[in-house]
Amino acid sequence: MNSGTSCQNAVTSTLSTSEPETDIAIVKIDPQPYGNPHPNPQEIFFLIEISDTTLKIDREEKALIYAKANISEYWVLDVSNRQAYICRHPTPKGYKSETVFSDSEIINPLNFPSLS
């Protein structure tokens, strides 16, 4: 499985009428030399938002957009409180689970369980 990292890029919107920008997107690598610059939801392993003043927007508004787009995993890293909100199992109404991790806990991405 080829993957890559995309920083501060919009996620192509089959996501609704918006095209939100996330801080980090772990995506499948496009094998074509001039592939689509914006990944679509099927090409996204997970998204990471680095959050400070936008925590409420990231956890509520963006999380709902990503869940509706069927992004399997969305992380919000709360820099002020040194916590990570890990959202998994998307539905059209939002993520089924949100787990809060402290900065000393280990997180394993769903698509890369051997990484932490």
C-alpha atoms as a PDB file:
ATOM      1  CA  MET A   1       0.000   0.000   0.000  1.00  0.00           C
ATOM      2  CA  ASN A   2       1.566   3.252  -1.113  1.00  0.00           C
ATOM      3  CA  SER A   3       0.863   6.281   1.004  1.00  0.00           C
ATOM      4  CA  GLY A   4       1.981   9.840   1.154  1.00  0.00           C
ATOM      5  CA  THR A   5       1.476  12.931   3.214  1.00  0.00           C
ATOM      6  CA  SER A   6      -0.237  16.052   2.041  1.00  0.00           C
ATOM      7  CA  CYS A   7      -0.034  19.215   4.112  1.00  0.00           C
ATOM      8  CA  GLN A   8      -2.510  22.105   4.084  1.00  0.00           C
ATOM      9  CA  ASN A   9      -4.319  20.858   0.979  1.00  0.00           C
ATOM     10  CA  ALA A  10      -8.015  20.865   0.362  1.00  0.00           C
ATOM     11  CA  VAL A  11      -9.825  17.566   0.279  1.00  0.00           C
ATOM     12  CA  THR A  12     -11.706  17.269  -2.986  1.00  0.00           C
ATOM     13  CA  SER A  13     -15.281  17.761  -2.312  1.00  0.00           C
ATOM     14  CA  THR A  14     -17.565  14.993  -2.779  1.00  0.00           C
ATOM     15  CA  LEU A  15     -17.531  16.160   0.840  1.00  0.00           C
ATOM     16  CA  SER A  16     -20.570  18.426   0.417  1.00  0.00           C
ATOM     17  CA  THR A  17     -20.502  21.964  -0.797  1.00  0.00           C
ATOM     18  CA  SER A  18     -17.296  22.829   1.021  1.00  0.00           C
ATOM     19  CA  GLU A  19     -13.675  21.978   0.440  1.00  0.00           C
ATOM     20  CA  PRO A  20     -12.093  22.192   3.910  1.00  0.00           C
ATOM     21  CA  GLU A  21      -8.361  22.359   4.377  1.00  0.00           C
ATOM     22  CA  THR A  22      -6.799  20.001   6.852  1.00  0.00           C
ATOM     23  CA  ASP A  23      -3.305  20.327   8.284  1.00  0.00           C
ATOM     24  CA  ILE A  24      -2.131  16.819   7.397  1.00  0.00           C
ATOM     25  CA  ALA A  25      -3.682  14.197   5.135  1.00  0.00           C
ATOM     26  CA  ILE A  26      -2.293  10.670   4.940  1.00  0.00           C
ATOM     27  CA  VAL A  27      -3.271   9.628   1.429  1.00  0.00           C
ATOM     28  CA  LYS A  28      -2.684   6.997  -1.221  1.00  0.00           C
ATOM     29  CA  ILE A  29       0.003   7.959  -3.698  1.00  0.00           C
ATOM     30  CA  ASP A  30      -1.306   8.665  -7.189  1.00  0.00           C
ATOM     31  CA  PRO A  31       0.805   6.528  -9.572  1.00  0.00           C
ATOM     32  CA  GLN A  32       0.199   8.956 -12.443  1.00  0.00           C
ATOM     33  CA  PRO A  33       2.899  11.629 -12.866  1.00  0.00           C
ATOM     34  CA  TYR A  34       0.352  14.463 -12.913  1.00  0.00           C
ATOM     35  CA  GLY A  35      -2.452  13.070 -10.821  1.00  0.00           C
ATOM     36  CA  ASN A  36      -5.267  14.976  -9.207  1.00  0.00           C
ATOM     37  CA  PRO A  37      -3.729  17.477  -6.756  1.00  0.00           C
ATOM     38  CA  HIS A  38      -6.601  17.026  -4.301  1.00  0.00           C
ATOM     39  CA  PRO A  39      -7.303  13.541  -2.913  1.00  0.00           C
ATOM     40  CA  ASN A  40     -10.840  12.251  -2.933  1.00  0.00           C
ATOM     41  CA  PRO A  41     -12.277  10.498   0.142  1.00  0.00           C
ATOM     42  CA  GLN A  42     -11.458   6.993  -1.143  1.00  0.00           C
ATOM     43  CA  GLU A  43      -7.772   7.965  -1.321  1.00  0.00           C
ATOM     44  CA  ILE A  44      -7.552   9.222   2.278  1.00  0.00           C
ATOM     45  CA  PHE A  45      -6.278   6.949   5.047  1.00  0.00           C
ATOM     46  CA  PHE A  46      -6.771   9.572   7.752  1.00  0.00           C
ATOM     47  CA  LEU A  47      -6.714  13.300   8.411  1.00  0.00           C
ATOM     48  CA  ILE A  48      -4.972  15.252  11.169  1.00  0.00           C
ATOM     49  CA  GLU A  49      -5.925  18.721  12.345  1.00  0.00           C
ATOM     50  CA  ILE A  50      -3.550  20.698  14.578  1.00  0.00           C
ATOM     51  CA  SER A  51      -5.933  22.734  16.677  1.00  0.00           C
ATOM     52  CA  ASP A  52      -5.645  25.662  19.033  1.00  0.00           C
ATOM     53  CA  THR A  53      -8.168  28.445  18.551  1.00  0.00           C
ATOM     54  CA  THR A  54     -10.285  26.379  16.128  1.00  0.00           C
ATOM     55  CA  LEU A  55     -10.898  23.368  18.400  1.00  0.00           C
ATOM     56  CA  LYS A  56     -14.700  23.681  18.428  1.00  0.00           C
ATOM     57  CA  ILE A  57     -14.884  24.051  14.626  1.00  0.00           C
ATOM     58  CA  ASP A  58     -12.450  21.160  14.093  1.00  0.00           C
ATOM     59  CA  ARG A  59     -14.280  18.804  16.451  1.00  0.00           C
ATOM     60  CA  GLU A  60     -17.800  19.691  15.385  1.00  0.00           C
ATOM     61  CA  GLU A  61     -18.061  21.206  11.908  1.00  0.00           C
ATOM     62  CA  LYS A  62     -15.090  19.592  10.172  1.00  0.00           C
ATOM     63  CA  ALA A  63     -15.651  16.241  11.885  1.00  0.00           C
ATOM     64  CA  LEU A  64     -19.215  16.129  10.557  1.00  0.00           C
ATOM     65  CA  ILE A  65     -18.074  17.003   7.014  1.00  0.00           C
ATOM     66  CA  TYR A  66     -15.403  14.281   7.079  1.00  0.00           C
ATOM     67  CA  ALA A  67     -17.739  11.681   8.595  1.00  0.00           C
ATOM     68  CA  LYS A  68     -20.365  12.377   5.926  1.00  0.00           C
ATOM     69  CA  ALA A  69     -17.635  11.883   3.299  1.00  0.00           C
ATOM     70  CA  ASN A  70     -16.817   8.490   4.878  1.00  0.00           C
ATOM     71  CA  ILE A  71     -13.265   9.411   5.955  1.00  0.00           C
ATOM     72  CA  SER A  72     -12.523   6.446   8.228  1.00  0.00           C
ATOM     73  CA  GLU A  73     -10.389   8.314  10.733  1.00  0.00           C
ATOM     74  CA  TYR A  74      -9.950  11.947  11.762  1.00  0.00           C
ATOM     75  CA  TRP A  75      -7.549  13.209  14.440  1.00  0.00           C
ATOM     76  CA  VAL A  76      -7.769  16.573  16.171  1.00  0.00           C
ATOM     77  CA  LEU A  77      -4.614  17.434  18.106  1.00  0.00           C
ATOM     78  CA  ASP A  78      -5.505  19.939  20.828  1.00  0.00           C
ATOM     79  CA  VAL A  79      -2.232  21.784  21.460  1.00  0.00           C
ATOM     80  CA  SER A  80      -3.564  23.835  24.392  1.00  0.00           C
ATOM     81  CA  ASN A  81      -4.658  20.851  26.468  1.00  0.00           C
ATOM     82  CA  ARG A  82      -2.116  18.403  25.023  1.00  0.00           C
ATOM     83  CA  GLN A  83      -4.804  15.921  23.996  1.00  0.00           C
ATOM     84  CA  ALA A  84      -5.750  14.074  20.832  1.00  0.00           C
ATOM     85  CA  TYR A  85      -9.351  13.476  19.805  1.00  0.00           C
ATOM     86  CA  ILE A  86      -9.474  10.400  17.605  1.00  0.00           C
ATOM     87  CA  CYS A  87     -12.693  10.083  15.600  1.00  0.00           C
ATOM     88  CA  ARG A  88     -13.474   6.771  13.939  1.00  0.00           C
ATOM     89  CA  HIS A  89     -16.324   4.862  12.287  1.00  0.00           C
ATOM     90  CA  PRO A  90     -18.022   7.520  10.156  1.00  0.00           C
ATOM     91  CA  THR A  91     -21.760   7.742   9.580  1.00  0.00           C
ATOM     92  CA  PRO A  92     -23.846  10.359   7.768  1.00  0.00           C
ATOM     93  CA  LYS A  93     -24.620  11.879  11.199  1.00  0.00           C
ATOM     94  CA  GLY A  94     -21.020  12.019  12.443  1.00  0.00           C
ATOM     95  CA  TYR A  95     -18.409   9.684  13.849  1.00  0.00           C
ATOM     96  CA  LYS A  96     -19.642   6.806  16.018  1.00  0.00           C
ATOM     97  CA  SER A  97     -16.634   7.016  18.315  1.00  0.00           C
ATOM     98  CA  GLU A  98     -14.408   9.740  19.641  1.00  0.00           C
ATOM     99  CA  THR A  99     -11.608   8.735  21.987  1.00  0.00           C
ATOM    100  CA  VAL A 100      -9.528  11.282  23.866  1.00  0.00           C
ATOM    101  CA  PHE A 101      -5.843  10.491  24.368  1.00  0.00           C
ATOM    102  CA  SER A 102      -3.376  12.338  26.573  1.00  0.00           C
ATOM    103  CA  ASP A 103       0.029  13.322  25.234  1.00  0.00           C
ATOM    104  CA  SER A 104       1.608  10.304  26.942  1.00  0.00           C
ATOM    105  CA  GLU A 105      -0.677   7.689  25.351  1.00  0.00           C
ATOM    106  CA  ILE A 106       0.029   5.748  22.159  1.00  0.00           C
ATOM    107  CA  ILE A 107      -2.242   5.959  19.124  1.00  0.00           C
ATOM    108  CA  ASN A 108      -2.299   3.370  16.336  1.00  0.00           C
ATOM    109  CA  PRO A 109      -3.961   4.451  13.080  1.00  0.00           C
ATOM    110  CA  LEU A 110      -6.637   2.068  11.809  1.00  0.00           C
ATOM    111  CA  ASN A 111      -5.018   1.676   8.380  1.00  0.00           C
ATOM    112  CA  PHE A 112      -1.517   1.274   9.835  1.00  0.00           C
ATOM    113  CA  PRO A 113      -1.971  -0.692  13.080  1.00  0.00           C
ATOM    114  CA  SER A 114       1.716  -1.546  13.383  1.00  0.00           C
ATOM    115  CA  LEU A 115       2.631   2.157  13.542  1.00  0.00           C
ATOM    116  CA  SER A 116       2.243   4.191  16.698  1.00  0.00           C
END
